[in-house]
N, C-alpha and C. Protein backbone atom coordinates (compact mmCIF):
# COMPACT_ATOMS: atom_id res chain seq x y z
N MET A 1 7.59 3.48 23.65
CA MET A 1 7.68 2.15 22.58
C MET A 1 9.29 1.87 22.75
N ARG A 2 8.74 0.00 22.57
CA ARG A 2 9.62 -0.82 23.11
C ARG A 2 10.26 -1.68 22.13
N TYR A 3 11.66 -1.53 22.74
CA TYR A 3 12.34 -1.82 21.13
C TYR A 3 12.95 -3.67 21.65
N GLN A 4 13.26 -4.44 20.68
CA GLN A 4 13.70 -5.73 20.87
C GLN A 4 14.63 -5.83 19.72
N ILE A 5 16.08 -5.20 19.83
CA ILE A 5 17.00 -5.00 19.11
C ILE A 5 17.78 -6.46 18.72
N SER A 6 18.00 -7.48 17.92
CA SER A 6 18.87 -8.19 17.96
C SER A 6 19.85 -8.78 16.92
N GLY A 7 20.56 -9.37 17.11
CA GLY A 7 21.51 -10.33 15.71
C GLY A 7 21.16 -11.96 15.92
N LYS A 8 21.13 -12.12 14.59
CA LYS A 8 21.56 -13.70 14.55
C LYS A 8 22.70 -14.02 14.09
N GLN A 9 23.08 -14.42 14.79
CA GLN A 9 24.49 -15.23 14.98
C GLN A 9 25.85 -14.05 15.05
N ILE A 10 25.72 -12.84 15.37
CA ILE A 10 26.44 -11.37 14.76
C ILE A 10 26.06 -10.83 15.80
N ASP A 11 27.26 -10.02 16.38
CA ASP A 11 27.35 -9.02 18.07
C ASP A 11 26.21 -7.60 17.25
N ILE A 12 25.76 -7.36 18.37
CA ILE A 12 24.64 -6.24 17.84
C ILE A 12 25.85 -5.43 19.02
N GLY A 13 26.04 -3.96 18.90
CA GLY A 13 26.89 -3.18 19.71
C GLY A 13 25.69 -2.15 19.90
N GLU A 14 26.06 -1.55 21.23
CA GLU A 14 25.45 -0.18 21.79
C GLU A 14 24.97 0.92 20.67
N ALA A 15 25.97 0.89 20.58
CA ALA A 15 26.49 1.94 18.85
C ALA A 15 25.30 2.15 17.79
N LEU A 16 25.36 0.64 17.44
CA LEU A 16 24.38 0.12 16.80
C LEU A 16 23.04 0.61 16.84
N GLN A 17 22.20 0.01 18.23
CA GLN A 17 21.30 0.19 19.01
C GLN A 17 20.56 1.53 19.16
N THR A 18 21.75 2.48 19.80
CA THR A 18 21.30 3.75 19.67
C THR A 18 20.86 4.40 18.70
N HIS A 19 21.23 3.96 17.62
CA HIS A 19 21.29 4.31 16.39
C HIS A 19 19.99 3.79 15.75
N VAL A 20 19.66 2.76 15.72
CA VAL A 20 17.91 1.93 15.82
C VAL A 20 17.77 2.57 16.53
N LYS A 21 17.62 2.90 17.58
CA LYS A 21 16.24 3.34 18.77
C LYS A 21 16.17 5.04 17.91
N THR A 22 17.10 5.85 18.10
CA THR A 22 17.08 6.89 17.55
C THR A 22 16.61 7.40 16.18
N GLU A 23 16.95 6.83 14.70
CA GLU A 23 16.44 7.44 13.86
C GLU A 23 14.76 6.36 13.85
N LEU A 24 14.75 4.73 14.74
CA LEU A 24 13.54 4.85 14.07
C LEU A 24 12.02 4.92 14.64
N GLY A 25 12.61 5.72 16.31
CA GLY A 25 11.94 6.51 16.32
C GLY A 25 11.23 7.51 15.78
N VAL A 26 12.17 8.44 15.45
CA VAL A 26 11.56 9.69 14.74
C VAL A 26 10.95 9.46 13.48
N VAL A 27 11.13 7.95 12.75
CA VAL A 27 9.95 7.68 11.80
C VAL A 27 8.93 7.51 11.69
N VAL A 28 9.16 6.65 13.04
CA VAL A 28 7.45 6.31 13.37
C VAL A 28 6.68 7.35 13.91
N ASP A 29 7.66 7.98 14.79
CA ASP A 29 6.51 9.40 15.35
C ASP A 29 6.08 10.34 14.77
N LYS A 30 6.70 10.34 13.65
CA LYS A 30 6.79 11.48 12.45
C LYS A 30 4.95 10.69 11.80
N TYR A 31 5.60 9.30 12.16
CA TYR A 31 3.85 9.15 10.86
C TYR A 31 2.71 8.53 11.64
N ALA A 32 3.34 7.77 12.93
CA ALA A 32 1.98 6.63 13.44
C ALA A 32 1.66 7.44 14.85
N GLU A 33 0.81 6.98 15.36
CA GLU A 33 0.05 7.49 16.60
C GLU A 33 0.48 6.51 17.69
N ARG A 34 1.47 6.67 18.36
CA ARG A 34 1.47 5.65 19.56
C ARG A 34 1.75 4.10 19.39
N PRO A 35 2.72 4.55 18.45
CA PRO A 35 3.20 2.72 18.17
C PRO A 35 3.84 2.36 19.27
N THR A 36 3.35 0.51 19.09
CA THR A 36 3.64 0.01 20.55
C THR A 36 5.09 -0.55 20.86
N ASP A 37 5.15 -1.74 19.73
CA ASP A 37 6.82 -1.89 19.87
C ASP A 37 7.29 -2.61 18.99
N ALA A 38 8.77 -2.80 18.39
CA ALA A 38 9.25 -2.64 17.26
C ALA A 38 10.21 -3.55 17.30
N THR A 39 10.50 -4.62 16.64
CA THR A 39 11.36 -5.47 16.42
C THR A 39 12.08 -5.32 15.43
N VAL A 40 13.31 -5.65 15.71
CA VAL A 40 14.25 -5.09 14.45
C VAL A 40 15.34 -6.44 14.79
N VAL A 41 15.96 -7.15 13.52
CA VAL A 41 16.40 -8.43 13.95
C VAL A 41 17.92 -8.27 12.30
N PHE A 42 18.75 -8.00 12.55
CA PHE A 42 20.10 -8.11 12.10
C PHE A 42 20.50 -9.41 11.74
N SER A 43 21.33 -9.85 10.38
CA SER A 43 21.63 -11.08 9.85
C SER A 43 22.68 -10.87 9.15
N LYS A 44 23.46 -11.77 8.74
CA LYS A 44 24.52 -11.88 7.82
C LYS A 44 23.86 -13.00 6.59
N SER A 45 24.33 -12.79 5.55
CA SER A 45 24.09 -13.47 4.60
C SER A 45 24.76 -13.39 3.19
N GLY A 46 26.07 -13.89 3.69
CA GLY A 46 27.67 -13.88 2.84
C GLY A 46 28.56 -12.69 3.38
N ALA A 47 28.44 -11.90 2.11
CA ALA A 47 29.14 -10.86 2.66
C ALA A 47 28.07 -9.25 3.08
N GLU A 48 26.89 -10.00 2.76
CA GLU A 48 25.97 -8.96 3.03
C GLU A 48 25.16 -8.77 4.19
N PHE A 49 24.91 -7.86 4.76
CA PHE A 49 23.86 -7.53 6.17
C PHE A 49 22.30 -7.42 6.20
N ASN A 50 21.72 -8.48 6.52
CA ASN A 50 20.68 -7.99 6.27
C ASN A 50 19.69 -7.42 7.83
N CYS A 51 18.93 -6.56 7.50
CA CYS A 51 18.03 -6.10 8.70
C CYS A 51 16.46 -5.94 8.27
N GLU A 52 15.96 -6.35 9.22
CA GLU A 52 14.04 -6.66 8.90
C GLU A 52 13.61 -6.03 10.44
N THR A 53 12.38 -5.38 9.72
CA THR A 53 12.18 -4.29 10.92
C THR A 53 10.89 -4.87 11.37
N VAL A 54 9.70 -4.77 12.41
CA VAL A 54 8.56 -5.03 12.42
C VAL A 54 8.51 -3.93 13.60
N VAL A 55 7.30 -3.12 12.84
CA VAL A 55 6.66 -2.25 13.95
C VAL A 55 4.99 -2.46 14.20
N HIS A 56 4.82 -2.67 15.86
CA HIS A 56 3.40 -2.80 15.74
C HIS A 56 2.66 -1.47 15.80
N LEU A 57 1.72 -1.37 15.85
CA LEU A 57 0.88 0.05 16.02
C LEU A 57 -0.25 -0.19 16.92
N SER A 58 -0.60 0.86 17.42
CA SER A 58 -1.75 0.87 18.75
C SER A 58 -2.74 0.27 18.23
N THR A 59 -3.18 0.66 16.28
CA THR A 59 -4.56 0.48 16.17
C THR A 59 -4.35 -1.08 15.99
N GLY A 60 -3.39 -1.78 16.14
CA GLY A 60 -3.51 -3.41 15.50
C GLY A 60 -2.92 -3.74 14.80
N LEU A 61 -2.27 -3.05 13.59
CA LEU A 61 -1.82 -2.60 12.09
C LEU A 61 -0.31 -3.18 12.63
N THR A 62 0.28 -3.86 11.40
CA THR A 62 1.58 -4.38 11.68
C THR A 62 2.38 -3.72 10.22
N ALA A 63 3.66 -2.86 10.38
CA ALA A 63 4.20 -2.31 9.24
C ALA A 63 5.21 -3.30 9.47
N GLN A 64 6.48 -3.57 8.02
CA GLN A 64 7.09 -4.45 8.22
C GLN A 64 8.21 -3.59 6.85
N ALA A 65 9.52 -3.70 7.14
CA ALA A 65 10.39 -3.59 6.16
C ALA A 65 11.84 -3.96 5.93
N ASN A 66 12.28 -4.79 5.41
CA ASN A 66 13.67 -5.20 5.25
C ASN A 66 14.72 -4.58 4.20
N ALA A 67 16.05 -5.15 4.37
CA ALA A 67 17.22 -4.77 3.50
C ALA A 67 18.08 -5.19 3.61
N HIS A 68 19.01 -5.38 2.29
CA HIS A 68 20.32 -5.96 2.89
C HIS A 68 21.29 -5.06 2.06
N THR A 69 22.79 -4.99 2.57
CA THR A 69 23.63 -4.26 1.62
C THR A 69 24.86 -4.67 2.81
N HIS A 70 25.78 -4.21 1.84
CA HIS A 70 27.42 -4.38 2.94
C HIS A 70 27.93 -4.04 4.19
N ASP A 71 27.03 -2.88 4.47
CA ASP A 71 27.10 -2.46 5.45
C ASP A 71 26.06 -2.27 6.47
N ILE A 72 26.58 -3.03 8.08
CA ILE A 72 25.28 -3.19 8.85
C ILE A 72 24.08 -1.76 8.94
N TYR A 73 25.21 -0.49 9.32
CA TYR A 73 24.40 0.59 9.28
C TYR A 73 23.45 0.98 8.01
N ALA A 74 24.17 0.92 7.00
CA ALA A 74 23.78 1.20 5.85
C ALA A 74 21.96 0.42 4.98
N ALA A 75 22.07 -1.19 5.82
CA ALA A 75 21.48 -1.56 6.05
C ALA A 75 20.19 -1.58 6.78
N PHE A 76 20.23 -0.55 7.67
CA PHE A 76 19.30 -0.45 8.71
C PHE A 76 18.94 0.87 8.30
N ASP A 77 19.26 1.45 7.81
CA ASP A 77 19.08 3.39 7.13
C ASP A 77 18.17 3.05 5.58
N GLN A 78 18.54 2.05 5.24
CA GLN A 78 17.67 1.45 3.67
C GLN A 78 16.45 0.82 4.45
N CYS A 79 16.14 0.02 5.48
CA CYS A 79 15.34 -0.67 6.07
C CYS A 79 14.22 0.78 6.69
N ALA A 80 15.24 1.67 7.29
CA ALA A 80 14.02 3.06 7.99
C ALA A 80 13.78 3.51 6.75
N GLU A 81 14.02 4.04 5.66
CA GLU A 81 13.73 4.51 4.65
C GLU A 81 12.59 4.07 3.98
N LYS A 82 12.41 2.37 3.85
CA LYS A 82 11.53 2.22 3.52
C LYS A 82 9.98 1.76 4.15
N MET A 83 10.48 1.83 5.66
CA MET A 83 9.53 1.91 6.76
C MET A 83 8.23 3.26 6.49
N GLU A 84 9.49 4.08 6.65
CA GLU A 84 9.23 5.85 6.42
C GLU A 84 8.01 6.08 5.20
N LYS A 85 8.59 5.34 3.91
CA LYS A 85 7.42 5.23 3.04
C LYS A 85 6.55 4.68 3.02
N GLN A 86 6.43 3.70 3.76
CA GLN A 86 5.30 2.91 4.10
C GLN A 86 4.26 3.64 4.76
N LEU A 87 4.81 4.34 5.78
CA LEU A 87 3.90 5.15 6.76
C LEU A 87 3.63 6.51 6.20
N ARG A 88 4.45 7.23 5.46
CA ARG A 88 3.85 8.36 4.87
C ARG A 88 2.81 7.78 4.14
N ARG A 89 3.03 7.00 3.35
CA ARG A 89 2.13 6.43 2.21
C ARG A 89 0.46 6.97 2.72
N TYR A 90 0.45 5.71 4.04
CA TYR A 90 -0.51 4.93 4.97
C TYR A 90 -0.87 6.09 6.27
N LYS A 91 -0.53 7.04 6.27
CA LYS A 91 -0.46 8.36 7.34
C LYS A 91 -1.91 8.55 7.40
N ARG A 92 -2.40 9.11 6.89
CA ARG A 92 -4.13 9.47 6.41
C ARG A 92 -4.65 8.52 7.46
N ARG A 93 -4.46 7.62 6.27
CA ARG A 93 -5.52 6.54 6.58
C ARG A 93 -5.14 5.56 7.94
N LEU A 94 -4.26 5.58 8.08
CA LEU A 94 -3.63 5.48 9.86
C LEU A 94 -4.35 6.27 11.15
N LYS A 95 -4.47 7.55 10.64
CA LYS A 95 -5.04 8.30 11.43
C LYS A 95 -6.75 8.18 11.34
N ASP A 96 -6.67 8.27 10.26
CA ASP A 96 -8.18 7.82 10.27
C ASP A 96 -9.01 6.88 10.61
N HIS A 97 -8.10 5.32 10.33
CA HIS A 97 -8.45 4.05 11.15
C HIS A 97 -8.63 4.25 12.93
N HIS A 98 -7.57 5.29 13.04
CA HIS A 98 -7.25 4.87 14.37
C HIS A 98 -8.49 5.43 15.36
N SER A 99 -9.39 6.52 14.56
CA SER A 99 -9.97 7.73 15.04
C SER A 99 -11.70 7.27 14.92
N HIS A 100 -11.63 6.40 13.98
CA HIS A 100 -12.91 5.53 13.44
C HIS A 100 -13.05 4.18 14.86
N ARG A 101 -11.87 3.81 15.02
CA ARG A 101 -11.58 2.18 15.95
C ARG A 101 -11.43 2.83 17.55
N SER A 102 -12.12 2.59 18.39
CA SER A 102 -12.45 3.12 19.78
C SER A 102 -11.73 1.60 20.26
N GLU A 103 -11.23 1.09 20.24
CA GLU A 103 -10.21 0.33 20.40
C GLU A 103 -9.62 -0.63 19.44
N PRO A 104 -8.32 -1.01 20.33
CA PRO A 104 -7.99 -2.02 19.06
C PRO A 104 -8.36 -2.67 18.35
N VAL A 105 -7.49 -3.64 17.43
CA VAL A 105 -8.31 -4.57 16.00
C VAL A 105 -8.10 -6.20 17.51
N GLU A 106 -9.37 -6.83 17.69
CA GLU A 106 -9.67 -7.56 17.92
C GLU A 106 -9.12 -8.91 17.50
N LEU A 107 -8.22 -9.73 18.24
CA LEU A 107 -7.46 -10.79 17.56
C LEU A 107 -8.02 -12.31 17.82
N ALA A 108 -8.02 -12.82 17.52
CA ALA A 108 -8.42 -14.79 17.64
C ALA A 108 -7.94 -15.43 17.25
N GLY A 109 -7.89 -16.39 18.31
CA GLY A 109 -6.79 -17.29 18.29
C GLY A 109 -7.08 -18.63 17.16
N ALA A 110 -5.72 -18.63 16.57
CA ALA A 110 -5.78 -19.97 15.32
C ALA A 110 -4.04 -20.40 15.45
N SER A 111 -4.32 -21.48 14.86
CA SER A 111 -3.29 -22.58 14.83
C SER A 111 -2.65 -22.48 13.53
N SER A 112 -0.97 -22.04 13.44
CA SER A 112 -0.43 -21.92 11.71
C SER A 112 0.49 -23.17 11.52
N TYR A 113 0.51 -23.83 10.53
CA TYR A 113 1.48 -24.82 9.81
C TYR A 113 2.25 -25.02 9.49
N ILE A 114 3.23 -25.46 9.48
CA ILE A 114 4.68 -25.27 8.47
C ILE A 114 4.52 -26.75 8.05
N LEU A 115 4.06 -26.85 6.42
CA LEU A 115 4.17 -28.42 5.73
C LEU A 115 5.41 -28.65 4.78
N ALA A 116 6.18 -29.67 4.86
CA ALA A 116 7.16 -30.07 4.45
C ALA A 116 7.16 -29.85 2.64
N ALA A 117 7.99 -29.25 2.08
CA ALA A 117 8.02 -29.61 0.68
C ALA A 117 7.72 -30.47 0.13
N THR A 118 7.32 -31.07 -0.98
CA THR A 118 6.85 -32.31 -1.52
C THR A 118 8.13 -32.19 -2.39
N GLU A 119 9.05 -33.34 -2.79
CA GLU A 119 9.77 -33.13 -4.45
C GLU A 119 9.69 -34.84 -4.56
N HIS A 120 9.12 -34.66 -5.34
CA HIS A 120 8.94 -36.28 -6.19
C HIS A 120 9.26 -35.75 -7.93
N GLU A 121 9.55 -37.17 -8.38
CA GLU A 121 10.21 -36.75 -9.25
C GLU A 121 8.31 -36.79 -10.32
N GLU A 122 8.57 -36.21 -11.48
CA GLU A 122 7.20 -35.61 -12.32
C GLU A 122 6.16 -37.25 -12.64
N ASP A 123 6.97 -38.13 -13.19
CA ASP A 123 6.68 -39.64 -13.35
C ASP A 123 6.34 -40.46 -12.00
N GLN A 124 6.79 -39.76 -10.45
CA GLN A 124 6.45 -40.68 -9.54
C GLN A 124 5.24 -40.15 -8.50
N GLU A 125 4.57 -40.84 -7.72
CA GLU A 125 3.34 -40.50 -7.34
C GLU A 125 4.19 -40.83 -5.87
N PRO A 126 3.30 -39.85 -4.74
CA PRO A 126 3.55 -39.91 -3.40
C PRO A 126 2.76 -41.01 -3.10
N ASP A 127 3.68 -40.66 -1.79
CA ASP A 127 3.50 -42.32 -1.23
C ASP A 127 2.21 -42.05 -0.43
N SER A 128 2.44 -40.75 -0.11
CA SER A 128 0.59 -40.14 1.13
C SER A 128 0.73 -38.57 0.30
N LEU A 129 -0.87 -38.63 0.71
CA LEU A 129 -1.54 -37.35 0.45
C LEU A 129 -1.60 -36.58 1.70
N GLN A 130 -1.18 -37.11 2.73
CA GLN A 130 -1.02 -36.16 4.05
C GLN A 130 0.60 -35.39 3.78
N PRO A 131 0.62 -34.02 3.88
CA PRO A 131 1.92 -33.72 3.86
C PRO A 131 2.48 -33.90 5.00
N MET A 132 3.60 -33.74 5.53
CA MET A 132 4.09 -33.70 6.81
C MET A 132 4.07 -32.68 7.02
N ILE A 133 4.50 -32.59 8.75
CA ILE A 133 4.00 -31.66 9.09
C ILE A 133 5.53 -30.74 10.03
N ILE A 134 5.77 -29.92 9.32
CA ILE A 134 7.47 -29.49 10.03
C ILE A 134 7.20 -28.88 11.65
N ALA A 135 6.00 -27.86 11.68
CA ALA A 135 6.15 -26.90 12.90
C ALA A 135 4.55 -26.56 12.75
N GLU A 136 4.56 -26.58 14.24
CA GLU A 136 3.21 -25.99 14.69
C GLU A 136 3.13 -24.61 15.36
N MET A 137 2.65 -23.59 15.12
CA MET A 137 2.57 -22.48 15.71
C MET A 137 1.22 -21.44 16.27
N GLU A 138 1.44 -20.78 16.95
CA GLU A 138 -0.02 -20.35 17.51
C GLU A 138 -0.05 -18.61 16.51
N THR A 139 -1.56 -18.38 16.44
CA THR A 139 -1.02 -17.15 15.34
C THR A 139 -2.55 -16.62 15.68
N HIS A 140 -3.01 -15.40 15.38
CA HIS A 140 -4.01 -14.58 15.29
C HIS A 140 -4.70 -14.01 14.18
N ILE A 141 -5.72 -13.97 14.01
CA ILE A 141 -6.70 -13.28 12.97
C ILE A 141 -7.33 -12.24 13.67
N PRO A 142 -6.64 -11.20 12.88
CA PRO A 142 -7.42 -9.87 13.65
C PRO A 142 -8.88 -10.02 12.52
N THR A 143 -9.85 -9.08 13.02
CA THR A 143 -10.58 -8.63 12.73
C THR A 143 -10.89 -7.06 12.43
N LEU A 144 -11.32 -6.99 10.82
CA LEU A 144 -10.95 -5.73 10.21
C LEU A 144 -11.68 -5.35 8.94
N SER A 145 -11.86 -4.22 8.27
CA SER A 145 -12.49 -4.37 7.34
C SER A 145 -11.93 -4.45 6.51
N VAL A 146 -12.37 -4.43 4.90
CA VAL A 146 -11.43 -4.51 3.75
C VAL A 146 -10.55 -3.79 3.59
N GLY A 147 -11.22 -2.44 3.51
CA GLY A 147 -9.69 -1.48 3.31
C GLY A 147 -8.66 -1.92 4.49
N GLU A 148 -9.36 -1.78 5.45
CA GLU A 148 -7.84 -2.34 6.53
C GLU A 148 -7.02 -3.73 6.49
N ALA A 149 -7.69 -4.84 6.16
CA ALA A 149 -7.11 -5.69 5.44
C ALA A 149 -6.47 -5.30 4.29
N VAL A 150 -6.58 -4.65 3.05
CA VAL A 150 -5.88 -3.94 2.23
C VAL A 150 -4.87 -3.34 2.73
N MET A 151 -4.64 -2.15 4.03
CA MET A 151 -3.82 -1.53 4.14
C MET A 151 -2.63 -2.21 4.64
N GLN A 152 -3.24 -3.61 5.79
CA GLN A 152 -2.22 -4.34 6.54
C GLN A 152 -1.61 -5.20 5.68
N MET A 153 -1.83 -5.37 4.64
CA MET A 153 -1.45 -6.67 3.30
C MET A 153 -0.28 -5.47 2.97
N GLU A 154 -0.64 -4.22 2.10
CA GLU A 154 0.92 -3.53 2.11
C GLU A 154 1.48 -2.57 2.68
N LEU A 155 1.02 -2.84 4.53
CA LEU A 155 2.46 -2.06 4.94
C LEU A 155 2.95 -3.47 5.64
N ALA A 156 2.31 -4.31 5.63
CA ALA A 156 3.57 -5.41 6.05
C ALA A 156 3.80 -6.45 4.90
N GLY A 157 4.04 -5.75 3.54
CA GLY A 157 4.25 -6.63 2.68
C GLY A 157 4.16 -7.96 2.49
N ALA A 158 2.91 -7.96 2.59
CA ALA A 158 2.91 -10.19 2.90
C ALA A 158 1.92 -9.72 1.34
N PRO A 159 2.09 -11.25 1.01
CA PRO A 159 1.06 -11.35 -0.20
C PRO A 159 -0.10 -11.65 0.38
N VAL A 160 -0.94 -12.62 1.21
CA VAL A 160 -2.32 -12.30 1.44
C VAL A 160 -2.43 -12.53 3.21
N VAL A 161 -3.70 -11.97 3.15
CA VAL A 161 -3.85 -11.24 5.09
C VAL A 161 -5.01 -12.07 4.89
N VAL A 162 -5.29 -12.93 6.15
CA VAL A 162 -6.86 -13.31 6.27
C VAL A 162 -7.03 -12.74 7.60
N PHE A 163 -8.51 -12.25 7.51
CA PHE A 163 -8.82 -11.85 8.70
C PHE A 163 -10.40 -12.07 8.66
N HIS A 164 -11.30 -11.58 9.62
CA HIS A 164 -12.54 -11.78 9.97
C HIS A 164 -12.73 -10.20 9.57
N LYS A 165 -14.54 -10.45 8.73
CA LYS A 165 -14.79 -9.17 8.41
C LYS A 165 -15.85 -8.48 9.54
N GLU A 166 -15.81 -7.47 10.03
CA GLU A 166 -16.25 -6.87 11.04
C GLU A 166 -17.93 -6.71 10.77
N GLY A 167 -18.39 -7.75 12.06
CA GLY A 167 -20.45 -7.98 11.83
C GLY A 167 -20.23 -8.55 10.94
N LYS A 168 -19.32 -9.70 10.73
CA LYS A 168 -19.57 -11.03 9.86
C LYS A 168 -18.91 -12.13 10.56
N THR A 169 -19.14 -13.37 9.99
CA THR A 169 -18.67 -14.57 10.63
C THR A 169 -17.92 -14.97 9.57
N GLY A 170 -17.10 -16.17 9.94
CA GLY A 170 -16.07 -16.74 8.72
C GLY A 170 -15.37 -15.94 8.43
N VAL A 171 -14.53 -16.39 7.67
CA VAL A 171 -12.96 -15.79 7.73
C VAL A 171 -12.81 -15.40 5.84
N ASN A 172 -12.24 -14.17 5.68
CA ASN A 172 -12.26 -13.55 4.64
C ASN A 172 -10.83 -13.82 4.21
N VAL A 173 -10.18 -13.21 2.49
CA VAL A 173 -8.74 -12.99 2.75
C VAL A 173 -8.66 -12.01 1.70
N VAL A 174 -7.56 -11.41 1.61
CA VAL A 174 -7.45 -10.85 0.36
C VAL A 174 -5.97 -11.15 0.31
N TYR A 175 -5.72 -10.91 -1.50
CA TYR A 175 -4.43 -11.57 -2.07
C TYR A 175 -3.84 -10.58 -3.14
N ARG A 176 -2.57 -10.63 -3.06
CA ARG A 176 -2.05 -9.77 -4.49
C ARG A 176 -2.29 -10.75 -5.80
N ARG A 177 -2.86 -10.13 -6.66
CA ARG A 177 -3.09 -11.31 -7.79
C ARG A 177 -2.46 -11.25 -8.59
N PRO A 178 -1.48 -12.09 -9.24
CA PRO A 178 -0.34 -12.01 -10.82
C PRO A 178 -0.79 -10.38 -11.46
N ASP A 179 -2.27 -10.18 -11.88
CA ASP A 179 -1.94 -8.61 -12.61
C ASP A 179 -1.47 -7.55 -11.97
N GLY A 180 -0.92 -7.85 -10.58
CA GLY A 180 -0.60 -6.37 -9.69
C GLY A 180 -2.15 -5.48 -9.30
N ASN A 181 -3.57 -6.20 -9.42
CA ASN A 181 -4.73 -5.97 -8.74
C ASN A 181 -4.96 -6.88 -7.50
N ILE A 182 -5.89 -6.71 -6.40
CA ILE A 182 -5.77 -7.28 -5.22
C ILE A 182 -7.00 -7.70 -5.34
N GLY A 183 -7.14 -9.58 -4.55
CA GLY A 183 -8.44 -10.22 -5.12
C GLY A 183 -8.56 -10.60 -3.46
N TRP A 184 -10.21 -10.80 -3.70
CA TRP A 184 -10.72 -10.54 -2.17
C TRP A 184 -11.65 -11.81 -1.73
N ILE A 185 -11.24 -12.68 -1.16
CA ILE A 185 -12.65 -14.06 -1.34
C ILE A 185 -13.33 -13.60 0.24
N ASP A 186 -14.69 -13.68 -0.18
CA ASP A 186 -15.64 -13.70 1.28
C ASP A 186 -16.79 -15.01 0.96
N PRO A 187 -16.55 -16.03 2.16
CA PRO A 187 -17.33 -17.11 1.98
C PRO A 187 -18.79 -16.64 2.01
N ASN A 188 -19.19 -15.14 2.91
CA ASN A 188 -20.51 -15.45 2.96
C ASN A 188 -21.33 -14.81 2.24
N ASN A 189 -20.34 -14.38 0.95
CA ASN A 189 -21.44 -13.86 -0.26
C ASN A 189 -21.62 -15.28 -1.59
N ALA A 190 -20.90 -16.24 -1.03
CA ALA A 190 -21.51 -17.44 -1.70
C ALA A 190 -22.67 -18.02 -2.06
N ASN A 191 -22.91 -18.57 -3.39
CA ASN A 191 -24.22 -18.55 -3.65
C ASN A 191 -24.37 -20.09 -3.29
């Protein structure tokens, strides 16, 4: 597995990098088959250290966890515990997903935009209905089953996952509803 361990405006020493590689390797090897790469980013916010970990699996799915505490090692350890809990919860499904899929998840290219938040007084009308684009990025839309998309949403801790449904055209969406359930938008079944 390839590791990319970095710090945002803080120095990451060799001892911490070795600790991350050892501990994360144990967690991921225990629950996931053939992880491809891991990205661990440390940052500091006030007196707390933040750790964000993203692990890409050979099946095309991504697991993500983050934690923050006053000690940088403790921040990583909490993050690794969260990652282990997620992977343990989905271990059987990850292995089943991999056995049914002979090739990695297919990804289609798309553009992603970050729009500026509009701050207007309630009584004031906006100058334009066109939002201001702050950034434009390349993103990928995976081809998944609905169950795989829900699992991806849970593993990544994301509020929403946009995907192509296997064997269908068009884009589908799964999202976390305010009542705790999961919603699924399938434009192919619209009347």
